[in-house]
Each structure stands twice: as structure tokens, then as C-alpha cells.
Protein backbone atom coordinates (compact mmCIF):
# COMPACT_ATOMS: atom_id res chain seq x y z
CA MET A 1 -2.21 -54.21 -0.43
CA THR A 2 -2.63 -50.90 -0.17
CA ASP A 3 -1.26 -47.77 -1.72
CA ARG A 4 -1.14 -44.09 -0.94
CA THR A 5 -4.75 -43.61 -1.96
CA THR A 6 -6.37 -46.39 -0.27
CA ARG A 7 -6.27 -47.94 3.19
CA PRO A 8 -7.76 -51.25 4.65
CA ALA A 9 -11.30 -50.86 6.38
CA LYS A 10 -13.14 -53.32 8.43
CA GLY A 11 -13.90 -56.39 6.65
CA GLY A 12 -10.86 -56.02 4.41
CA ARG A 13 -12.39 -53.48 1.99
CA THR A 14 -10.37 -50.38 1.14
CA ARG A 15 -11.46 -46.92 1.68
CA PRO A 16 -9.83 -43.81 0.07
CA ALA A 17 -6.78 -42.45 2.24
CA ALA A 18 -7.54 -39.15 3.97
CA SER A 19 -5.98 -36.22 1.93
CA PRO A 20 -3.44 -34.28 3.35
CA ARG A 21 -6.18 -31.44 4.26
CA GLN A 22 -8.10 -34.01 6.16
CA GLN A 23 -5.08 -35.36 7.79
CA LEU A 24 -4.00 -31.85 8.90
CA GLY A 25 -7.62 -31.23 10.23
CA ARG A 26 -7.65 -34.19 12.24
CA GLN A 27 -4.08 -33.70 13.57
CA LEU A 28 -5.08 -29.96 14.61
CA GLY A 29 -8.74 -30.70 15.75
CA SER A 30 -7.82 -33.75 17.78
CA ARG A 31 -3.99 -34.96 18.68
CA PHE A 32 -2.54 -31.62 18.52
CA SER A 33 -5.19 -29.54 20.32
CA THR A 34 -5.39 -32.12 23.22
CA ALA A 35 -1.27 -32.28 23.46
CA VAL A 36 -1.37 -28.58 23.90
CA VAL A 37 -4.10 -28.60 26.56
CA LEU A 38 -2.23 -31.55 28.61
CA PHE A 39 1.04 -29.66 28.11
CA HIS A 40 -0.29 -26.65 29.61
CA SER A 41 -2.07 -28.33 32.21
CA ALA A 42 1.27 -29.98 33.35
CA ILE A 43 3.12 -26.74 33.13
CA ALA A 44 0.32 -25.14 35.35
CA GLU A 45 0.57 -28.30 37.91
CA ARG A 46 4.29 -27.63 37.91
CA LEU A 47 3.90 -24.02 38.92
CA GLY A 48 1.29 -24.80 41.48
CA LEU A 49 -1.43 -23.35 39.60
CA ASN A 50 -4.54 -24.45 38.09
CA VAL A 51 -4.86 -24.40 34.18
CA THR A 52 -7.37 -21.43 33.96
CA ASP A 53 -5.08 -19.48 36.49
CA PHE A 54 -1.94 -20.17 34.16
CA LYS A 55 -3.81 -19.38 30.91
CA CYS A 56 -5.09 -16.07 32.42
CA ALA A 57 -1.65 -15.10 33.62
CA GLU A 58 -0.15 -16.09 30.13
CA ILE A 59 -2.64 -13.51 28.55
CA LEU A 60 -1.40 -10.92 31.11
CA MET A 61 2.21 -11.67 30.09
CA ARG A 62 1.22 -11.44 26.35
CA ILE A 63 -0.83 -8.29 26.45
CA GLY A 64 0.72 -6.42 29.19
CA PRO A 65 -1.16 -4.54 32.07
CA THR A 66 -5.06 -4.38 31.86
CA HIS A 67 -8.10 -4.16 33.74
CA PRO A 68 -10.07 -7.03 35.35
CA GLY A 69 -12.93 -6.34 33.04
CA ARG A 70 -10.90 -6.63 29.97
CA LEU A 71 -9.51 -9.92 31.22
CA ALA A 72 -12.92 -11.36 31.75
CA GLU A 73 -13.90 -10.07 28.45
CA MET A 74 -10.95 -11.96 26.68
CA THR A 75 -11.54 -15.00 28.80
CA GLY A 76 -15.23 -15.08 28.75
CA MET A 77 -15.08 -15.37 32.45
CA SER A 78 -17.32 -13.63 35.02
CA SER A 79 -16.07 -10.50 36.85
CA ALA A 80 -16.23 -12.57 40.19
CA ALA A 81 -14.34 -15.47 38.61
CA ILE A 82 -11.57 -13.19 37.55
CA ALA A 83 -11.26 -11.49 40.75
CA GLN A 84 -10.59 -15.02 42.41
CA VAL A 85 -8.16 -15.76 39.53
CA VAL A 86 -6.24 -12.41 39.96
CA GLY A 87 -6.45 -13.36 43.89
CA ARG A 88 -4.76 -16.60 43.33
CA LEU A 89 -2.17 -15.20 40.89
CA GLU A 90 -1.31 -12.42 43.26
CA ARG A 91 -0.86 -15.12 46.17
CA ALA A 92 1.49 -16.97 43.92
CA GLY A 93 3.58 -13.84 43.50
CA LEU A 94 2.87 -13.62 39.70
CA VAL A 95 0.77 -10.58 39.13
CA LYS A 96 -0.01 -7.58 41.42
CA ARG A 97 -3.00 -5.14 41.61
CA GLU A 98 -2.30 -1.29 41.28
CA PRO A 99 -4.44 1.74 41.05
CA ASP A 100 -5.03 3.03 37.66
CA THR A 101 -3.18 6.09 37.17
CA ALA A 102 -5.86 7.66 34.73
CA ASP A 103 -8.70 6.58 37.04
CA ARG A 104 -7.81 5.81 40.74
CA ARG A 105 -11.08 4.00 41.21
CA ARG A 106 -10.13 1.45 38.70
CA THR A 107 -7.59 -1.33 39.20
CA VAL A 108 -4.76 -2.66 36.70
CA ILE A 109 -3.38 -6.09 36.75
CA ARG A 110 0.42 -5.98 36.09
CA VAL A 111 2.80 -9.18 35.97
CA VAL A 112 5.51 -8.96 38.45
CA GLU A 113 8.78 -9.13 36.41
CA ASN A 114 11.17 -11.85 37.44
CA SER A 115 8.96 -13.62 39.76
CA ALA A 116 9.90 -17.13 41.19
CA VAL A 117 7.04 -18.39 39.01
CA GLN A 118 8.10 -16.53 35.71
CA ARG A 119 11.95 -17.88 36.45
CA GLU A 120 10.31 -21.50 36.94
CA LEU A 121 8.45 -21.04 33.57
CA LEU A 122 11.46 -19.97 31.76
CA ARG A 123 13.40 -23.01 33.09
CA THR A 124 10.31 -25.31 32.12
CA PHE A 125 10.02 -23.77 28.65
CA THR A 126 13.80 -23.74 27.72
CA GLY A 127 14.02 -27.42 26.61
CA PHE A 128 10.56 -27.20 24.95
CA ALA A 129 11.91 -24.00 22.89
CA GLU A 130 14.90 -25.94 22.05
CA ARG A 131 13.05 -28.96 20.59
CA VAL A 132 10.82 -26.38 18.64
CA GLU A 133 13.61 -24.55 17.19
CA GLN A 134 15.05 -28.12 15.98
CA ILE A 135 11.87 -28.70 14.04
CA MET A 136 11.82 -25.06 12.74
CA ASP A 137 15.20 -25.58 11.31
CA ARG A 138 13.65 -28.05 9.05
CA TYR A 139 11.83 -25.29 7.05
CA ASP A 140 13.07 -22.26 5.06
CA ASP A 141 11.93 -18.80 5.49
CA SER A 142 9.03 -18.96 3.15
CA GLN A 143 7.78 -22.06 4.52
CA LEU A 144 7.97 -20.66 8.15
CA GLU A 145 5.92 -17.69 6.80
CA ALA A 146 3.41 -19.72 5.52
CA ILE A 147 3.16 -21.68 8.79
CA ASP A 148 3.06 -18.52 10.89
CA ASP A 149 0.23 -17.22 8.82
CA PHE A 150 -1.69 -20.33 8.91
CA VAL A 151 -1.44 -20.61 12.82
CA ALA A 152 -2.43 -16.71 13.19
CA ARG A 153 -5.58 -17.36 10.95
CA VAL A 154 -6.44 -20.39 12.75
CA THR A 155 -5.83 -18.72 16.06
CA GLU A 156 -8.10 -15.99 15.05
CA VAL A 157 -10.71 -18.46 13.89
CA LEU A 158 -10.60 -20.32 17.42
CA GLU A 159 -10.83 -17.15 19.37
CA GLY A 160 -13.83 -16.04 17.16
CA GLU A 161 -15.48 -19.38 17.73
CA ALA A 162 -14.97 -19.30 21.45
CA ALA A 163 -16.42 -15.90 21.64
CA THR A 164 -19.51 -17.07 19.42
CA LEU A 165 -19.83 -20.20 21.64
CA ARG A 166 -19.81 -18.08 24.94
CA ARG A 167 -22.55 -15.55 23.40
CA THR A 168 -24.90 -18.38 22.23
CA ALA A 169 -24.69 -20.54 25.27
CA HIS A 170 -27.77 -21.52 26.85
């Protein structure tokens, strides 16, 4: 028989149950992160993109027009790889390259508003957004503020760790 503080281990022994902090860490570090990756892979596939191209497009949608070098910096990809990504996104009708008005020698990547890919993305995310909204309705404003703060801070840690891993790669 087990209670909230123990659970069966191999051989019938009991071990302490994971704390809520440990459980959350496991969920975020494993199941949740894998689900997010697989979800984004499925969306990319549905749009006829690979997941890297899709995530680069998502970054562009979030930050707005930028130079290829900035996108390379944000993703840790080489300039040559970003040029290939942008080419594929351009062929998909999702972005366009334009001369930088401040320096005509430079290029700016801009998302094409209301493209067929964006419309499909909106259709794809509609059901997902409705289900997430139903979950959010379970929490009051102060709880949502805490969740928002937590997610923002974990995101900053992930971005920092990714940058560190790239800098220290062999």
C-alpha cells in the first residue's frame, strides 16, 4: 500500500514520491518539451516546411523584419544555412527579401502578410488555441501571471543555455 509520500519500487520496496517541484521539472524537461517539438514538427510538415524553416519563420513573425545576420545570430546557424532557409521560405511564399532602406547593400527579410502559408497556420492553430484557452480558464489572473512569469523565465534560461552550448561546442 502506498500513500502520497511513497510509491512502489522494484522488488516491492517503497521510495519517496517525487515532490511537485521534481514532477514539474520532469514534465518540462521530458514529456512537455518532446510534445512541443513533435507538435511543431507536425505543423511544419502540414505546411510543407521542415521544422527548422518553420521555427525560423516563427522567429521572423515574432520579431518582425530583420537582417539575415540577425536571424543567424538568434538561431546559431551559419550565414550560408540561413540563406538556404530564407530561400526555401521565399519559395513557399512566406517571406520576401528587400533592400534595407538605410543601407541598400544589406537585405531585410520580411514576412509576407496574409500568405497562403500564414492562412493555413492560422487554421491549424485555431483549435489548439481554443483548447489552451479552456485550460487557462481554470486559473485566476494571479495564477496566470505566475505561470506567465515562470514560462518567460524558463524561456530565457533555455535561450541562454542554447547560446552557451553553441559557444562551447567542439
